């Protein structure tokens, strides 16, 4: 999710398509939050791991 968000952010920035930039930022933030919570061992949504 982090990689997809980063790709969309870069593509949206270079092409000038603002919706891609917005979606990229949202995916990047959510991916980082899930990665941090997963690294701490906290269960997210009833699951201990997200695959």
PDB file of N, CA and C in Angstrom:
ATOM      1  N   UNK A   1       0.821  -1.180   0.000  1.00  0.00           N
ATOM      2  CA  UNK A   1       0.000   0.000   0.000  1.00  0.00           C
ATOM      3  C   UNK A   1       0.872   1.254   0.000  1.00  0.00           C
ATOM      4  N   UNK A   2       1.989   1.173   0.703  1.00  0.00           N
ATOM      5  CA  UNK A   2       2.894   2.315   0.759  1.00  0.00           C
ATOM      6  C   UNK A   2       3.504   2.564  -0.614  1.00  0.00           C
ATOM      7  N   UNK A   3       3.907   1.500  -1.284  1.00  0.00           N
ATOM      8  CA  UNK A   3       4.539   1.638  -2.598  1.00  0.00           C
ATOM      9  C   UNK A   3       3.534   2.156  -3.620  1.00  0.00           C
ATOM     10  N   UNK A   4       2.311   1.633  -3.599  1.00  0.00           N
ATOM     11  CA  UNK A   4       1.277   2.107  -4.515  1.00  0.00           C
ATOM     12  C   UNK A   4       0.963   3.579  -4.270  1.00  0.00           C
ATOM     13  N   UNK A   5       0.881   3.978  -3.009  1.00  0.00           N
ATOM     14  CA  UNK A   5       0.644   5.381  -2.685  1.00  0.00           C
ATOM     15  C   UNK A   5       1.758   6.278  -3.174  1.00  0.00           C
ATOM     16  N   UNK A   6       3.000   5.824  -3.036  1.00  0.00           N
ATOM     17  CA  UNK A   6       4.143   6.602  -3.500  1.00  0.00           C
ATOM     18  C   UNK A   6       4.143   6.731  -5.021  1.00  0.00           C
ATOM     19  N   UNK A   7       3.823   5.644  -5.715  1.00  0.00           N
ATOM     20  CA  UNK A   7       3.758   5.680  -7.179  1.00  0.00           C
ATOM     21  C   UNK A   7       2.669   6.637  -7.644  1.00  0.00           C
ATOM     22  N   UNK A   8       1.481   6.544  -7.059  1.00  0.00           N
ATOM     23  CA  UNK A   8       0.390   7.437  -7.449  1.00  0.00           C
ATOM     24  C   UNK A   8       0.708   8.897  -7.130  1.00  0.00           C
ATOM     25  N   UNK A   9       1.387   9.125  -6.016  1.00  0.00           N
ATOM     26  CA  UNK A   9       1.771  10.477  -5.646  1.00  0.00           C
ATOM     27  C   UNK A   9       2.727  11.078  -6.666  1.00  0.00           C
ATOM     28  N   UNK A  10       3.717  10.320  -7.076  1.00  0.00           N
ATOM     29  CA  UNK A  10       4.691  10.810  -8.052  1.00  0.00           C
ATOM     30  C   UNK A  10       4.054  11.002  -9.423  1.00  0.00           C
ATOM     31  N   UNK A  11       3.257  10.032  -9.877  1.00  0.00           N
ATOM     32  CA  UNK A  11       2.601  10.140 -11.176  1.00  0.00           C
ATOM     33  C   UNK A  11       1.631  11.318 -11.196  1.00  0.00           C
ATOM     34  N   UNK A  12       0.868  11.467 -10.140  1.00  0.00           N
ATOM     35  CA  UNK A  12      -0.069  12.586 -10.062  1.00  0.00           C
ATOM     36  C   UNK A  12       0.632  13.925 -10.027  1.00  0.00           C
ATOM     37  N   UNK A  13       1.782  13.990  -9.377  1.00  0.00           N
ATOM     38  CA  UNK A  13       2.543  15.234  -9.304  1.00  0.00           C
ATOM     39  C   UNK A  13       3.100  15.626 -10.674  1.00  0.00           C
ATOM     40  N   UNK A  14       3.665  14.652 -11.387  1.00  0.00           N
ATOM     41  CA  UNK A  14       4.281  14.955 -12.678  1.00  0.00           C
ATOM     42  C   UNK A  14       3.266  15.184 -13.789  1.00  0.00           C
ATOM     43  N   UNK A  15       2.116  14.515 -13.734  1.00  0.00           N
ATOM     44  CA  UNK A  15       1.111  14.696 -14.781  1.00  0.00           C
ATOM     45  C   UNK A  15       0.150  15.826 -14.475  1.00  0.00           C
ATOM     46  N   UNK A  16       0.130  16.287 -13.251  1.00  0.00           N
ATOM     47  CA  UNK A  16      -0.765  17.384 -12.887  1.00  0.00           C
ATOM     48  C   UNK A  16      -2.181  16.940 -12.590  1.00  0.00           C
ATOM     49  N   UNK A  17      -2.399  15.650 -12.424  1.00  0.00           N
ATOM     50  CA  UNK A  17      -3.729  15.118 -12.112  1.00  0.00           C
ATOM     51  C   UNK A  17      -3.867  15.097 -10.597  1.00  0.00           C
ATOM     52  N   UNK A  18      -4.676  15.985 -10.071  1.00  0.00           N
ATOM     53  CA  UNK A  18      -4.747  16.162  -8.619  1.00  0.00           C
ATOM     54  C   UNK A  18      -5.398  14.985  -7.900  1.00  0.00           C
ATOM     55  N   UNK A  19      -6.311  14.269  -8.551  1.00  0.00           N
ATOM     56  CA  UNK A  19      -6.979  13.153  -7.886  1.00  0.00           C
ATOM     57  C   UNK A  19      -5.985  12.022  -7.617  1.00  0.00           C
ATOM     58  N   UNK A  20      -5.021  11.822  -8.520  1.00  0.00           N
ATOM     59  CA  UNK A  20      -4.004  10.797  -8.279  1.00  0.00           C
ATOM     60  C   UNK A  20      -3.115  11.178  -7.114  1.00  0.00           C
ATOM     61  N   UNK A  21      -2.789  12.454  -7.019  1.00  0.00           N
ATOM     62  CA  UNK A  21      -1.977  12.928  -5.903  1.00  0.00           C
ATOM     63  C   UNK A  21      -2.718  12.740  -4.588  1.00  0.00           C
ATOM     64  N   UNK A  22      -4.000  13.060  -4.574  1.00  0.00           N
ATOM     65  CA  UNK A  22      -4.801  12.919  -3.357  1.00  0.00           C
ATOM     66  C   UNK A  22      -4.907  11.460  -2.929  1.00  0.00           C
ATOM     67  N   UNK A  23      -5.209  10.586  -3.867  1.00  0.00           N
ATOM     68  CA  UNK A  23      -5.319   9.158  -3.553  1.00  0.00           C
ATOM     69  C   UNK A  23      -3.961   8.615  -3.108  1.00  0.00           C
ATOM     70  N   UNK A  24      -2.890   9.076  -3.735  1.00  0.00           N
ATOM     71  CA  UNK A  24      -1.547   8.646  -3.355  1.00  0.00           C
ATOM     72  C   UNK A  24      -1.207   9.028  -1.931  1.00  0.00           C
ATOM     73  N   UNK A  25      -1.550  10.249  -1.542  1.00  0.00           N
ATOM     74  CA  UNK A  25      -1.273  10.699  -0.174  1.00  0.00           C
ATOM     75  C   UNK A  25      -2.077   9.890   0.830  1.00  0.00           C
ATOM     76  N   UNK A  26      -3.345   9.638   0.515  1.00  0.00           N
ATOM     77  CA  UNK A  26      -4.207   8.873   1.425  1.00  0.00           C
ATOM     78  C   UNK A  26      -3.662   7.449   1.595  1.00  0.00           C
ATOM     79  N   UNK A  27      -3.307   6.796   0.490  1.00  0.00           N
ATOM     80  CA  UNK A  27      -2.779   5.432   0.578  1.00  0.00           C
ATOM     81  C   UNK A  27      -1.448   5.399   1.317  1.00  0.00           C
ATOM     82  N   UNK A  28      -0.626   6.406   1.098  1.00  0.00           N
ATOM     83  CA  UNK A  28       0.663   6.474   1.769  1.00  0.00           C
ATOM     84  C   UNK A  28       0.497   6.612   3.274  1.00  0.00           C
ATOM     85  N   UNK A  29      -0.395   7.482   3.701  1.00  0.00           N
ATOM     86  CA  UNK A  29      -0.620   7.699   5.134  1.00  0.00           C
ATOM     87  C   UNK A  29      -1.223   6.459   5.788  1.00  0.00           C
ATOM     88  N   UNK A  30      -2.216   5.871   5.155  1.00  0.00           N
ATOM     89  CA  UNK A  30      -2.850   4.676   5.721  1.00  0.00           C
ATOM     90  C   UNK A  30      -1.847   3.521   5.777  1.00  0.00           C
ATOM     91  N   UNK A  31      -1.037   3.370   4.741  1.00  0.00           N
ATOM     92  CA  UNK A  31      -0.031   2.316   4.732  1.00  0.00           C
ATOM     93  C   UNK A  31       0.997   2.481   5.829  1.00  0.00           C
ATOM     94  N   UNK A  32       1.439   3.708   6.054  1.00  0.00           N
ATOM     95  CA  UNK A  32       2.417   3.953   7.117  1.00  0.00           C
ATOM     96  C   UNK A  32       1.807   3.689   8.481  1.00  0.00           C
ATOM     97  N   UNK A  33       0.568   4.109   8.685  1.00  0.00           N
ATOM     98  CA  UNK A  33      -0.102   3.871   9.972  1.00  0.00           C
ATOM     99  C   UNK A  33      -0.259   2.375  10.228  1.00  0.00           C
ATOM    100  N   UNK A  34      -0.686   1.625   9.214  1.00  0.00           N
ATOM    101  CA  UNK A  34      -0.842   0.182   9.383  1.00  0.00           C
ATOM    102  C   UNK A  34       0.506  -0.500   9.608  1.00  0.00           C
ATOM    103  N   UNK A  35       1.556  -0.020   8.948  1.00  0.00           N
ATOM    104  CA  UNK A  35       2.879  -0.616   9.137  1.00  0.00           C
ATOM    105  C   UNK A  35       3.391  -0.359  10.550  1.00  0.00           C
ATOM    106  N   UNK A  36       3.173   0.843  11.061  1.00  0.00           N
ATOM    107  CA  UNK A  36       3.613   1.163  12.425  1.00  0.00           C
ATOM    108  C   UNK A  36       2.842   0.344  13.452  1.00  0.00           C
ATOM    109  N   UNK A  37       1.522   0.260  13.283  1.00  0.00           N
ATOM    110  CA  UNK A  37       0.721  -0.534  14.219  1.00  0.00           C
ATOM    111  C   UNK A  37       1.068  -2.016  14.134  1.00  0.00           C
ATOM    112  N   UNK A  38       1.357  -2.506  12.938  1.00  0.00           N
ATOM    113  CA  UNK A  38       1.733  -3.901  12.781  1.00  0.00           C
ATOM    114  C   UNK A  38       3.096  -4.196  13.390  1.00  0.00           C
ATOM    115  N   UNK A  39       4.013  -3.237  13.306  1.00  0.00           N
ATOM    116  CA  UNK A  39       5.347  -3.433  13.859  1.00  0.00           C
ATOM    117  C   UNK A  39       5.330  -3.457  15.387  1.00  0.00           C
ATOM    118  N   UNK A  40       4.354  -2.798  15.980  1.00  0.00           N
ATOM    119  CA  UNK A  40       4.264  -2.786  17.435  1.00  0.00           C
ATOM    120  C   UNK A  40       3.577  -4.035  17.976  1.00  0.00           C
ATOM    121  N   UNK A  41       3.053  -4.870  17.077  1.00  0.00           N
ATOM    122  CA  UNK A  41       2.409  -6.109  17.502  1.00  0.00           C
ATOM    123  C   UNK A  41       0.954  -5.923  17.874  1.00  0.00           C
ATOM    124  N   UNK A  42       0.392  -4.779  17.568  1.00  0.00           N
ATOM    125  CA  UNK A  42      -0.996  -4.496  17.908  1.00  0.00           C
ATOM    126  C   UNK A  42      -1.924  -5.104  16.852  1.00  0.00           C
ATOM    127  N   UNK A  43      -2.969  -5.752  17.299  1.00  0.00           N
ATOM    128  CA  UNK A  43      -3.952  -6.330  16.379  1.00  0.00           C
ATOM    129  C   UNK A  43      -4.785  -5.215  15.759  1.00  0.00           C
ATOM    130  N   UNK A  44      -4.962  -5.279  14.448  1.00  0.00           N
ATOM    131  CA  UNK A  44      -5.705  -4.248  13.723  1.00  0.00           C
ATOM    132  C   UNK A  44      -6.953  -4.894  13.140  1.00  0.00           C
ATOM    133  N   UNK A  45      -8.109  -4.410  13.508  1.00  0.00           N
ATOM    134  CA  UNK A  45      -9.352  -4.948  12.975  1.00  0.00           C
ATOM    135  C   UNK A  45      -9.569  -6.406  13.339  1.00  0.00           C
ATOM    136  N   UNK A  46      -9.076  -6.826  14.495  1.00  0.00           N
ATOM    137  CA  UNK A  46      -9.257  -8.201  14.918  1.00  0.00           C
ATOM    138  C   UNK A  46      -8.222  -9.159  14.377  1.00  0.00           C
ATOM    139  N   UNK A  47      -7.275  -8.651  13.583  1.00  0.00           N
ATOM    140  CA  UNK A  47      -6.236  -9.507  13.018  1.00  0.00           C
ATOM    141  C   UNK A  47      -4.877  -9.085  13.544  1.00  0.00           C
ATOM    142  N   UNK A  48      -4.053 -10.061  13.791  1.00  0.00           N
ATOM    143  CA  UNK A  48      -2.702  -9.752  14.287  1.00  0.00           C
ATOM    144  C   UNK A  48      -1.778  -9.372  13.127  1.00  0.00           C
ATOM    145  N   UNK A  49      -2.085  -9.881  11.906  1.00  0.00           N
ATOM    146  CA  UNK A  49      -1.230  -9.607  10.742  1.00  0.00           C
ATOM    147  C   UNK A  49      -2.093  -9.211   9.557  1.00  0.00           C
ATOM    148  N   UNK A  50      -1.592  -8.306   8.749  1.00  0.00           N
ATOM    149  CA  UNK A  50      -2.216  -7.938   7.483  1.00  0.00           C
ATOM    150  C   UNK A  50      -1.305  -8.416   6.381  1.00  0.00           C
ATOM    151  N   UNK A  51      -1.818  -9.257   5.495  1.00  0.00           N
ATOM    152  CA  UNK A  51      -0.996  -9.807   4.420  1.00  0.00           C
ATOM    153  C   UNK A  51      -1.220  -9.063   3.154  1.00  0.00           C
TER     154      UNK A  51
END
